[in-house]
Amino acid sequence: MSTLRFKTNINCGSCIKAVTPSLNQEVGANNWQVDTANADKILTVSGTEATPNQVVKAVEAAGFDIQPLAS
């Protein structure tokens, strides 16, 4: 299992609440976190077999922008 990192526009508690159902369904609860203090609002996904494409689709389905970051 690898760690995936993404730049997002998930920038507050309400945004995290909005994306939680999609991400929990795709990668599982406790397998992701968003660093809203970082200027790039970094989403880190670990402990899952999810592909970057699955994560991107889950975040976009919740209405947010997301870009994979190089490992």
PDB file of N, CA and C in Angstrom:
ATOM      1  N   MET A   1       0.848  -1.184   0.000  1.00  0.00           N
ATOM      2  CA  MET A   1       0.000   0.000   0.000  1.00  0.00           C
ATOM      3  C   MET A   1       0.885   1.236   0.000  1.00  0.00           C
ATOM      4  N   SER A   2       0.545   2.172  -0.844  1.00  0.00           N
ATOM      5  CA  SER A   2       1.344   3.386  -0.930  1.00  0.00           C
ATOM      6  C   SER A   2       0.577   4.560  -0.342  1.00  0.00           C
ATOM      7  N   THR A   3       1.294   5.653  -0.183  1.00  0.00           N
ATOM      8  CA  THR A   3       0.673   6.892   0.269  1.00  0.00           C
ATOM      9  C   THR A   3       0.496   7.784  -0.943  1.00  0.00           C
ATOM     10  N   LEU A   4      -0.710   8.279  -1.128  1.00  0.00           N
ATOM     11  CA  LEU A   4      -1.031   9.166  -2.242  1.00  0.00           C
ATOM     12  C   LEU A   4      -1.229  10.568  -1.701  1.00  0.00           C
ATOM     13  N   ARG A   5      -0.742  11.565  -2.458  1.00  0.00           N
ATOM     14  CA  ARG A   5      -0.889  12.960  -2.029  1.00  0.00           C
ATOM     15  C   ARG A   5      -1.474  13.775  -3.176  1.00  0.00           C
ATOM     16  N   PHE A   6      -2.355  14.715  -2.809  1.00  0.00           N
ATOM     17  CA  PHE A   6      -3.059  15.522  -3.794  1.00  0.00           C
ATOM     18  C   PHE A   6      -3.165  16.965  -3.324  1.00  0.00           C
ATOM     19  N   LYS A   7      -3.115  17.888  -4.268  1.00  0.00           N
ATOM     20  CA  LYS A   7      -3.409  19.297  -4.010  1.00  0.00           C
ATOM     21  C   LYS A   7      -4.908  19.461  -4.230  1.00  0.00           C
ATOM     22  N   THR A   8      -5.587  20.135  -3.284  1.00  0.00           N
ATOM     23  CA  THR A   8      -7.039  20.295  -3.389  1.00  0.00           C
ATOM     24  C   THR A   8      -7.448  21.730  -3.048  1.00  0.00           C
ATOM     25  N   ASN A   9      -8.738  21.987  -3.148  1.00  0.00           N
ATOM     26  CA  ASN A   9      -9.297  23.244  -2.648  1.00  0.00           C
ATOM     27  C   ASN A   9     -10.261  22.966  -1.485  1.00  0.00           C
ATOM     28  N   ILE A  10     -10.021  21.882  -0.765  1.00  0.00           N
ATOM     29  CA  ILE A  10     -10.787  21.530   0.437  1.00  0.00           C
ATOM     30  C   ILE A  10     -10.186  22.350   1.572  1.00  0.00           C
ATOM     31  N   ASN A  11     -10.817  23.478   1.915  1.00  0.00           N
ATOM     32  CA  ASN A  11     -10.120  24.433   2.776  1.00  0.00           C
ATOM     33  C   ASN A  11     -10.736  24.723   4.138  1.00  0.00           C
ATOM     34  N   CYS A  12     -11.770  23.998   4.537  1.00  0.00           N
ATOM     35  CA  CYS A  12     -12.357  24.291   5.847  1.00  0.00           C
ATOM     36  C   CYS A  12     -13.096  23.064   6.368  1.00  0.00           C
ATOM     37  N   GLY A  13     -13.551  23.160   7.590  1.00  0.00           N
ATOM     38  CA  GLY A  13     -14.274  22.057   8.202  1.00  0.00           C
ATOM     39  C   GLY A  13     -15.532  21.670   7.446  1.00  0.00           C
ATOM     40  N   SER A  14     -16.238  22.657   6.926  1.00  0.00           N
ATOM     41  CA  SER A  14     -17.453  22.366   6.158  1.00  0.00           C
ATOM     42  C   SER A  14     -17.122  21.635   4.866  1.00  0.00           C
ATOM     43  N   CYS A  15     -16.004  22.007   4.254  1.00  0.00           N
ATOM     44  CA  CYS A  15     -15.562  21.330   3.030  1.00  0.00           C
ATOM     45  C   CYS A  15     -15.204  19.876   3.332  1.00  0.00           C
ATOM     46  N   ILE A  16     -14.504  19.665   4.434  1.00  0.00           N
ATOM     47  CA  ILE A  16     -14.136  18.301   4.825  1.00  0.00           C
ATOM     48  C   ILE A  16     -15.394  17.481   5.082  1.00  0.00           C
ATOM     49  N   LYS A  17     -16.363  18.078   5.740  1.00  0.00           N
ATOM     50  CA  LYS A  17     -17.628  17.388   6.006  1.00  0.00           C
ATOM     51  C   LYS A  17     -18.321  17.011   4.691  1.00  0.00           C
ATOM     52  N   ALA A  18     -18.245  17.891   3.694  1.00  0.00           N
ATOM     53  CA  ALA A  18     -18.898  17.633   2.412  1.00  0.00           C
ATOM     54  C   ALA A  18     -18.234  16.491   1.640  1.00  0.00           C
ATOM     55  N   VAL A  19     -16.927  16.370   1.748  1.00  0.00           N
ATOM     56  CA  VAL A  19     -16.201  15.348   0.986  1.00  0.00           C
ATOM     57  C   VAL A  19     -16.096  14.020   1.744  1.00  0.00           C
ATOM     58  N   THR A  20     -16.372  14.028   3.034  1.00  0.00           N
ATOM     59  CA  THR A  20     -16.222  12.822   3.857  1.00  0.00           C
ATOM     60  C   THR A  20     -16.996  11.613   3.327  1.00  0.00           C
ATOM     61  N   PRO A  21     -18.277  11.721   2.979  1.00  0.00           N
ATOM     62  CA  PRO A  21     -18.981  10.521   2.503  1.00  0.00           C
ATOM     63  C   PRO A  21     -18.325   9.895   1.267  1.00  0.00           C
ATOM     64  N   SER A  22     -17.924  10.717   0.311  1.00  0.00           N
ATOM     65  CA  SER A  22     -17.299  10.204  -0.915  1.00  0.00           C
ATOM     66  C   SER A  22     -15.978   9.526  -0.628  1.00  0.00           C
ATOM     67  N   LEU A  23     -15.134  10.185   0.165  1.00  0.00           N
ATOM     68  CA  LEU A  23     -13.821   9.607   0.456  1.00  0.00           C
ATOM     69  C   LEU A  23     -13.925   8.378   1.352  1.00  0.00           C
ATOM     70  N   ASN A  24     -14.807   8.416   2.332  1.00  0.00           N
ATOM     71  CA  ASN A  24     -14.972   7.241   3.194  1.00  0.00           C
ATOM     72  C   ASN A  24     -15.422   6.028   2.386  1.00  0.00           C
ATOM     73  N   GLN A  25     -16.311   6.256   1.427  1.00  0.00           N
ATOM     74  CA  GLN A  25     -16.796   5.161   0.597  1.00  0.00           C
ATOM     75  C   GLN A  25     -15.682   4.627  -0.301  1.00  0.00           C
ATOM     76  N   GLU A  26     -14.876   5.509  -0.855  1.00  0.00           N
ATOM     77  CA  GLU A  26     -13.851   5.101  -1.819  1.00  0.00           C
ATOM     78  C   GLU A  26     -12.595   4.539  -1.164  1.00  0.00           C
ATOM     79  N   VAL A  27     -12.126   5.176  -0.094  1.00  0.00           N
ATOM     80  CA  VAL A  27     -10.843   4.761   0.500  1.00  0.00           C
ATOM     81  C   VAL A  27     -10.967   4.284   1.941  1.00  0.00           C
ATOM     82  N   GLY A  28     -12.122   4.471   2.545  1.00  0.00           N
ATOM     83  CA  GLY A  28     -12.332   4.024   3.919  1.00  0.00           C
ATOM     84  C   GLY A  28     -12.056   5.122   4.932  1.00  0.00           C
ATOM     85  N   ALA A  29     -12.862   5.141   5.974  1.00  0.00           N
ATOM     86  CA  ALA A  29     -12.665   6.111   7.055  1.00  0.00           C
ATOM     87  C   ALA A  29     -11.293   5.873   7.681  1.00  0.00           C
ATOM     88  N   ASN A  30     -10.693   6.918   8.154  1.00  0.00           N
ATOM     89  CA  ASN A  30      -9.380   6.873   8.806  1.00  0.00           C
ATOM     90  C   ASN A  30      -8.225   6.583   7.855  1.00  0.00           C
ATOM     91  N   ASN A  31      -8.475   6.550   6.547  1.00  0.00           N
ATOM     92  CA  ASN A  31      -7.405   6.326   5.571  1.00  0.00           C
ATOM     93  C   ASN A  31      -7.032   7.601   4.826  1.00  0.00           C
ATOM     94  N   TRP A  32      -7.605   8.733   5.239  1.00  0.00           N
ATOM     95  CA  TRP A  32      -7.306   9.986   4.551  1.00  0.00           C
ATOM     96  C   TRP A  32      -7.366  11.147   5.528  1.00  0.00           C
ATOM     97  N   GLN A  33      -6.681  12.220   5.156  1.00  0.00           N
ATOM     98  CA  GLN A  33      -6.750  13.459   5.936  1.00  0.00           C
ATOM     99  C   GLN A  33      -6.387  14.624   5.024  1.00  0.00           C
ATOM    100  N   VAL A  34      -6.908  15.801   5.363  1.00  0.00           N
ATOM    101  CA  VAL A  34      -6.617  17.022   4.616  1.00  0.00           C
ATOM    102  C   VAL A  34      -5.909  17.995   5.542  1.00  0.00           C
ATOM    103  N   ASP A  35      -4.789  18.518   5.083  1.00  0.00           N
ATOM    104  CA  ASP A  35      -4.038  19.527   5.831  1.00  0.00           C
ATOM    105  C   ASP A  35      -4.516  20.900   5.371  1.00  0.00           C
ATOM    106  N   THR A  36      -5.534  21.438   6.050  1.00  0.00           N
ATOM    107  CA  THR A  36      -6.087  22.735   5.647  1.00  0.00           C
ATOM    108  C   THR A  36      -5.166  23.890   6.011  1.00  0.00           C
ATOM    109  N   ALA A  37      -4.165  23.652   6.848  1.00  0.00           N
ATOM    110  CA  ALA A  37      -3.201  24.703   7.192  1.00  0.00           C
ATOM    111  C   ALA A  37      -2.172  24.896   6.082  1.00  0.00           C
ATOM    112  N   ASN A  38      -1.985  23.894   5.242  1.00  0.00           N
ATOM    113  CA  ASN A  38      -1.060  23.979   4.118  1.00  0.00           C
ATOM    114  C   ASN A  38      -1.707  24.808   3.012  1.00  0.00           C
ATOM    115  N   ALA A  39      -0.934  25.665   2.376  1.00  0.00           N
ATOM    116  CA  ALA A  39      -1.470  26.523   1.310  1.00  0.00           C
ATOM    117  C   ALA A  39      -2.080  25.710   0.169  1.00  0.00           C
ATOM    118  N   ASP A  40      -1.568  24.500  -0.066  1.00  0.00           N
ATOM    119  CA  ASP A  40      -2.069  23.651  -1.148  1.00  0.00           C
ATOM    120  C   ASP A  40      -3.169  22.690  -0.704  1.00  0.00           C
ATOM    121  N   LYS A  41      -3.595  22.787   0.577  1.00  0.00           N
ATOM    122  CA  LYS A  41      -4.693  21.956   1.105  1.00  0.00           C
ATOM    123  C   LYS A  41      -4.463  20.482   0.745  1.00  0.00           C
ATOM    124  N   ILE A  42      -3.356  19.939   1.215  1.00  0.00           N
ATOM    125  CA  ILE A  42      -2.908  18.607   0.828  1.00  0.00           C
ATOM    126  C   ILE A  42      -3.798  17.506   1.409  1.00  0.00           C
ATOM    127  N   LEU A  43      -4.308  16.675   0.515  1.00  0.00           N
ATOM    128  CA  LEU A  43      -5.044  15.471   0.882  1.00  0.00           C
ATOM    129  C   LEU A  43      -4.057  14.309   0.839  1.00  0.00           C
ATOM    130  N   THR A  44      -3.939  13.589   1.938  1.00  0.00           N
ATOM    131  CA  THR A  44      -3.075  12.413   2.013  1.00  0.00           C
ATOM    132  C   THR A  44      -3.953  11.187   2.211  1.00  0.00           C
ATOM    133  N   VAL A  45      -3.739  10.185   1.370  1.00  0.00           N
ATOM    134  CA  VAL A  45      -4.490   8.935   1.438  1.00  0.00           C
ATOM    135  C   VAL A  45      -3.487   7.807   1.652  1.00  0.00           C
ATOM    136  N   SER A  46      -3.713   6.994   2.675  1.00  0.00           N
ATOM    137  CA  SER A  46      -2.813   5.865   2.933  1.00  0.00           C
ATOM    138  C   SER A  46      -3.600   4.703   3.509  1.00  0.00           C
ATOM    139  N   GLY A  47      -2.980   3.534   3.531  1.00  0.00           N
ATOM    140  CA  GLY A  47      -3.627   2.366   4.112  1.00  0.00           C
ATOM    141  C   GLY A  47      -4.760   1.817   3.276  1.00  0.00           C
ATOM    142  N   THR A  48      -4.693   2.021   1.965  1.00  0.00           N
ATOM    143  CA  THR A  48      -5.756   1.568   1.080  1.00  0.00           C
ATOM    144  C   THR A  48      -5.163   1.154  -0.256  1.00  0.00           C
ATOM    145  N   GLU A  49      -5.903   0.375  -0.998  1.00  0.00           N
ATOM    146  CA  GLU A  49      -5.485  -0.033  -2.338  1.00  0.00           C
ATOM    147  C   GLU A  49      -6.090   0.884  -3.407  1.00  0.00           C
ATOM    148  N   ALA A  50      -6.715   1.968  -3.009  1.00  0.00           N
ATOM    149  CA  ALA A  50      -7.347   2.884  -3.962  1.00  0.00           C
ATOM    150  C   ALA A  50      -6.312   3.459  -4.925  1.00  0.00           C
ATOM    151  N   THR A  51      -6.732   3.650  -6.156  1.00  0.00           N
ATOM    152  CA  THR A  51      -5.860   4.251  -7.162  1.00  0.00           C
ATOM    153  C   THR A  51      -6.012   5.766  -7.122  1.00  0.00           C
ATOM    154  N   PRO A  52      -5.027   6.490  -7.646  1.00  0.00           N
ATOM    155  CA  PRO A  52      -5.175   7.949  -7.714  1.00  0.00           C
ATOM    156  C   PRO A  52      -6.449   8.360  -8.447  1.00  0.00           C
ATOM    157  N   ASN A  53      -6.799   7.647  -9.503  1.00  0.00           N
ATOM    158  CA  ASN A  53      -7.994   7.977 -10.271  1.00  0.00           C
ATOM    159  C   ASN A  53      -9.258   7.835  -9.424  1.00  0.00           C
ATOM    160  N   GLN A  54      -9.320   6.822  -8.576  1.00  0.00           N
ATOM    161  CA  GLN A  54     -10.482   6.635  -7.697  1.00  0.00           C
ATOM    162  C   GLN A  54     -10.612   7.796  -6.714  1.00  0.00           C
ATOM    163  N   VAL A  55      -9.482   8.236  -6.173  1.00  0.00           N
ATOM    164  CA  VAL A  55      -9.494   9.351  -5.222  1.00  0.00           C
ATOM    165  C   VAL A  55      -9.944  10.627  -5.923  1.00  0.00           C
ATOM    166  N   VAL A  56      -9.401  10.877  -7.114  1.00  0.00           N
ATOM    167  CA  VAL A  56      -9.774  12.072  -7.879  1.00  0.00           C
ATOM    168  C   VAL A  56     -11.276  12.073  -8.149  1.00  0.00           C
ATOM    169  N   LYS A  57     -11.818  10.953  -8.588  1.00  0.00           N
ATOM    170  CA  LYS A  57     -13.256  10.879  -8.882  1.00  0.00           C
ATOM    171  C   LYS A  57     -14.096  11.137  -7.634  1.00  0.00           C
ATOM    172  N   ALA A  58     -13.673  10.603  -6.491  1.00  0.00           N
ATOM    173  CA  ALA A  58     -14.425  10.792  -5.248  1.00  0.00           C
ATOM    174  C   ALA A  58     -14.446  12.256  -4.833  1.00  0.00           C
ATOM    175  N   VAL A  59     -13.307  12.926  -4.937  1.00  0.00           N
ATOM    176  CA  VAL A  59     -13.230  14.335  -4.542  1.00  0.00           C
ATOM    177  C   VAL A  59     -13.997  15.207  -5.532  1.00  0.00           C
ATOM    178  N   GLU A  60     -13.846  14.942  -6.825  1.00  0.00           N
ATOM    179  CA  GLU A  60     -14.578  15.720  -7.829  1.00  0.00           C
ATOM    180  C   GLU A  60     -16.082  15.514  -7.702  1.00  0.00           C
ATOM    181  N   ALA A  61     -16.511  14.315  -7.336  1.00  0.00           N
ATOM    182  CA  ALA A  61     -17.942  14.042  -7.156  1.00  0.00           C
ATOM    183  C   ALA A  61     -18.528  14.887  -6.036  1.00  0.00           C
ATOM    184  N   ALA A  62     -17.694  15.256  -5.070  1.00  0.00           N
ATOM    185  CA  ALA A  62     -18.142  16.109  -3.964  1.00  0.00           C
ATOM    186  C   ALA A  62     -18.050  17.586  -4.327  1.00  0.00           C
ATOM    187  N   GLY A  63     -17.565  17.898  -5.540  1.00  0.00           N
ATOM    188  CA  GLY A  63     -17.543  19.277  -6.011  1.00  0.00           C
ATOM    189  C   GLY A  63     -16.250  20.031  -5.763  1.00  0.00           C
ATOM    190  N   PHE A  64     -15.153  19.315  -5.532  1.00  0.00           N
ATOM    191  CA  PHE A  64     -13.881  19.977  -5.246  1.00  0.00           C
ATOM    192  C   PHE A  64     -12.858  19.711  -6.339  1.00  0.00           C
ATOM    193  N   ASP A  65     -11.875  20.604  -6.420  1.00  0.00           N
ATOM    194  CA  ASP A  65     -10.772  20.455  -7.359  1.00  0.00           C
ATOM    195  C   ASP A  65      -9.687  19.615  -6.709  1.00  0.00           C
ATOM    196  N   ILE A  66      -8.985  18.829  -7.517  1.00  0.00           N
ATOM    197  CA  ILE A  66      -7.930  17.960  -6.994  1.00  0.00           C
ATOM    198  C   ILE A  66      -6.911  17.689  -8.087  1.00  0.00           C
ATOM    199  N   GLN A  67      -5.633  17.688  -7.696  1.00  0.00           N
ATOM    200  CA  GLN A  67      -4.538  17.375  -8.615  1.00  0.00           C
ATOM    201  C   GLN A  67      -3.565  16.446  -7.902  1.00  0.00           C
ATOM    202  N   PRO A  68      -3.204  15.321  -8.523  1.00  0.00           N
ATOM    203  CA  PRO A  68      -2.204  14.439  -7.908  1.00  0.00           C
ATOM    204  C   PRO A  68      -0.856  15.144  -7.801  1.00  0.00           C
ATOM    205  N   LEU A  69      -0.132  14.862  -6.735  1.00  0.00           N
ATOM    206  CA  LEU A  69       1.221  15.378  -6.556  1.00  0.00           C
ATOM    207  C   LEU A  69       2.203  14.246  -6.802  1.00  0.00           C
ATOM    208  N   ALA A  70       3.380  14.590  -7.291  1.00  0.00           N
ATOM    209  CA  ALA A  70       4.418  13.582  -7.507  1.00  0.00           C
ATOM    210  C   ALA A  70       4.805  12.961  -6.174  1.00  0.00           C
ATOM    211  N   SER A  71       5.087  11.693  -6.190  1.00  0.00           N
ATOM    212  CA  SER A  71       5.465  10.985  -4.955  1.00  0.00           C
ATOM    213  C   SER A  71       6.814  11.427  -4.462  1.00  0.00           C
TER     214      SER A  71
END
